[in-house]
Amino acid sequence: MASTLTVWKFDTPDGAEEAERILLDLQTENIITVDDAAVVSWAHGARKPKTRQLNTTAGAGALGGSFWGLLFGLIFFVPLLGAAIGAVTGGLAGALTDVGIDDDFIKRLRDKVTPGTSALFVLTDGEVVDRVADAFSGKHMELIDTNLGHEEESKLREVFGA
């Protein structure tokens, strides 16, 4: 079964943490399998967001800190650091494109996850979509997702040694 990388954007700095709790509850009910996840929280007035990988999801599907670090670096930090660092990460960014995470995806996230918002990045499989949707009914969020097929997921794991 292929995994799905999903990004959920919230209009508050703490919305992603609430969503994390909901997803982990759904996992205990066997409604979804959370292979790996990370939270981005960007307080009002902060120069940059806070990021953290969930420690409770170090299962067989986990991608690891290098994946999340690169992805968050490309989205939130590289534009601030200049072209020299951007050139170094260019090859790794190309590897992300090979697995369905392209410049448009990164630009959309950069434009949408801004001060005063938060986001939950989740790698899942085996979800019961209607039950997950029910659990998030009434929540104010925007869903951006990239579906990873077996081949893309394998490439992603190869690139990051996961």
Protein backbone atom coordinates (compact mmCIF):
# COMPACT_ATOMS: atom_id res chain seq x y z
CA MET A 1 0.00 0.00 0.00
CA ALA A 2 1.37 3.42 -0.94
CA SER A 3 1.70 6.19 1.60
CA THR A 4 0.19 9.63 1.28
CA LEU A 5 2.01 12.80 2.23
CA THR A 6 -0.60 15.26 3.42
CA VAL A 7 -0.21 18.86 4.50
CA TRP A 8 -2.98 20.41 6.58
CA LYS A 9 -2.81 24.20 7.01
CA PHE A 10 -4.57 25.94 9.91
CA ASP A 11 -5.37 29.62 10.42
CA THR A 12 -4.04 29.63 13.98
CA PRO A 13 -0.58 28.93 15.38
CA ASP A 14 -1.91 26.04 17.50
CA GLY A 15 -4.33 24.43 15.01
CA ALA A 16 -1.79 21.85 13.83
CA GLU A 17 -1.17 20.62 17.38
CA GLU A 18 -4.91 20.05 17.85
CA ALA A 19 -5.02 18.17 14.53
CA GLU A 20 -2.03 16.08 15.63
CA ARG A 21 -3.96 14.97 18.72
CA ILE A 22 -6.99 14.06 16.59
CA LEU A 23 -4.88 12.01 14.15
CA LEU A 24 -3.10 10.16 16.94
CA ASP A 25 -6.49 9.36 18.51
CA LEU A 26 -7.68 8.04 15.13
CA GLN A 27 -4.55 5.91 14.98
CA THR A 28 -5.33 4.32 18.35
CA GLU A 29 -8.76 3.46 16.92
CA ASN A 30 -7.07 1.84 13.86
CA ILE A 31 -8.74 4.32 11.51
CA ILE A 32 -5.44 5.63 10.15
CA THR A 33 -1.79 4.66 10.29
CA VAL A 34 0.51 7.62 10.89
CA ASP A 35 3.93 6.59 9.57
CA ASP A 36 5.59 9.92 10.24
CA ALA A 37 4.59 13.51 10.90
CA ALA A 38 5.88 16.97 11.71
CA VAL A 39 4.29 20.16 12.98
CA VAL A 40 5.04 23.72 11.91
CA SER A 41 3.79 26.49 14.19
CA TRP A 42 4.34 30.13 13.27
CA ALA A 43 3.40 32.60 16.00
CA HIS A 44 2.21 36.10 15.12
CA GLY A 45 5.20 38.43 14.90
CA ALA A 46 7.80 35.63 14.82
CA ARG A 47 10.52 35.85 12.17
CA LYS A 48 10.42 32.11 11.46
CA PRO A 49 8.27 29.12 12.34
CA LYS A 50 8.98 26.48 14.96
CA THR A 51 9.15 22.96 13.57
CA ARG A 52 9.16 19.58 15.26
CA GLN A 53 8.96 15.99 14.15
CA LEU A 54 6.56 13.80 16.08
CA ASN A 55 8.52 11.41 18.24
CA THR A 56 5.66 8.98 18.66
CA THR A 57 5.58 7.94 15.00
CA ALA A 58 8.98 6.29 14.53
CA GLY A 59 7.43 3.28 12.83
CA ALA A 60 8.61 1.39 9.80
CA GLY A 61 7.30 4.11 7.49
CA ALA A 62 9.09 7.00 9.20
CA LEU A 63 11.12 9.23 6.91
CA GLY A 64 13.37 10.73 9.55
CA GLY A 65 14.66 14.13 10.51
CA SER A 66 16.75 14.62 7.36
CA PHE A 67 13.62 14.56 5.18
CA TRP A 68 11.69 16.99 7.36
CA GLY A 69 14.75 19.21 7.79
CA LEU A 70 15.29 19.48 4.04
CA LEU A 71 11.62 20.04 3.27
CA PHE A 72 11.23 22.73 5.94
CA GLY A 73 14.52 24.31 4.90
CA LEU A 74 13.34 24.59 1.31
CA ILE A 75 9.97 25.97 2.31
CA PHE A 76 10.83 28.34 5.14
CA PHE A 77 14.56 28.98 5.47
CA VAL A 78 16.43 28.73 2.14
CA PRO A 79 14.69 31.81 0.66
CA LEU A 80 16.07 33.77 3.61
CA LEU A 81 19.61 32.40 3.38
CA GLY A 82 20.41 33.37 -0.19
CA ALA A 83 21.56 31.79 -3.42
CA ALA A 84 24.74 30.15 -2.11
CA ILE A 85 22.91 27.78 0.20
CA GLY A 86 20.15 27.40 -2.38
CA ALA A 87 22.69 26.10 -4.89
CA VAL A 88 23.90 23.48 -2.40
CA THR A 89 20.39 22.22 -1.79
CA GLY A 90 19.49 22.26 -5.48
CA GLY A 91 20.42 18.63 -6.04
CA LEU A 92 18.40 17.49 -3.05
CA ALA A 93 15.48 19.62 -4.16
CA GLY A 94 15.67 17.84 -7.51
CA ALA A 95 15.37 14.53 -5.67
CA LEU A 96 12.17 15.78 -4.03
CA THR A 97 10.76 16.58 -7.48
CA ASP A 98 11.34 12.95 -8.42
CA VAL A 99 8.95 11.94 -5.65
CA GLY A 100 6.19 14.42 -6.40
CA ILE A 101 7.28 17.35 -4.23
CA ASP A 102 7.96 20.03 -6.83
CA ASP A 103 8.58 23.78 -6.90
CA ASP A 104 4.86 24.54 -7.20
CA PHE A 105 4.12 22.46 -4.09
CA ILE A 106 6.88 24.25 -2.14
CA LYS A 107 5.77 27.69 -3.38
CA ARG A 108 2.13 27.01 -2.41
CA LEU A 109 3.23 26.01 1.08
CA ARG A 110 5.56 29.01 1.39
CA ASP A 111 2.69 31.31 0.37
CA LYS A 112 0.12 29.71 2.67
CA VAL A 113 2.03 28.83 5.86
CA THR A 114 2.79 32.31 7.16
CA PRO A 115 2.99 34.07 10.55
CA GLY A 116 -0.14 33.35 12.57
CA THR A 117 -0.73 29.93 10.99
CA SER A 118 0.36 26.34 11.50
CA ALA A 119 0.62 23.18 9.45
CA LEU A 120 0.66 19.45 10.05
CA PHE A 121 2.73 17.37 7.63
CA VAL A 122 1.72 13.70 7.79
CA LEU A 123 2.82 10.52 6.01
CA THR A 124 -0.07 8.06 6.33
CA ASP A 125 -1.47 4.88 4.88
CA GLY A 126 -4.47 2.68 5.39
CA GLU A 127 -6.81 5.54 6.25
CA VAL A 128 -10.58 5.19 6.29
CA VAL A 129 -11.16 8.48 4.47
CA ASP A 130 -14.76 9.11 5.51
CA ARG A 131 -13.99 8.47 9.21
CA VAL A 132 -10.97 10.80 9.08
CA ALA A 133 -13.08 13.46 7.36
CA ASP A 134 -15.76 13.09 10.07
CA ALA A 135 -13.16 13.62 12.82
CA PHE A 136 -12.13 16.92 11.24
CA SER A 137 -15.65 18.13 10.47
CA GLY A 138 -16.09 21.75 11.51
CA LYS A 139 -12.35 22.46 11.77
CA HIS A 140 -11.06 25.49 9.90
CA MET A 141 -8.25 24.15 7.76
CA GLU A 142 -7.00 23.85 4.23
CA LEU A 143 -5.86 20.50 2.90
CA ILE A 144 -2.95 20.26 0.45
CA ASP A 145 -1.88 16.74 -0.38
CA THR A 146 0.66 14.92 -2.50
CA ASN A 147 -0.02 11.27 -3.09
CA LEU A 148 3.10 9.17 -3.24
CA GLY A 149 3.00 5.94 -5.19
CA HIS A 150 5.20 2.93 -4.33
CA GLU A 151 7.93 4.02 -6.75
CA GLU A 152 8.00 7.63 -5.50
CA GLU A 153 7.99 6.49 -1.87
CA SER A 154 10.88 4.13 -2.55
CA LYS A 155 12.87 6.94 -4.21
CA LEU A 156 12.15 9.23 -1.28
CA ARG A 157 13.39 6.63 1.22
CA GLU A 158 16.51 6.04 -0.91
CA VAL A 159 17.33 9.76 -1.04
CA PHE A 160 16.99 10.19 2.72
CA GLY A 161 18.29 6.80 3.83
CA ALA A 162 15.05 6.00 5.59
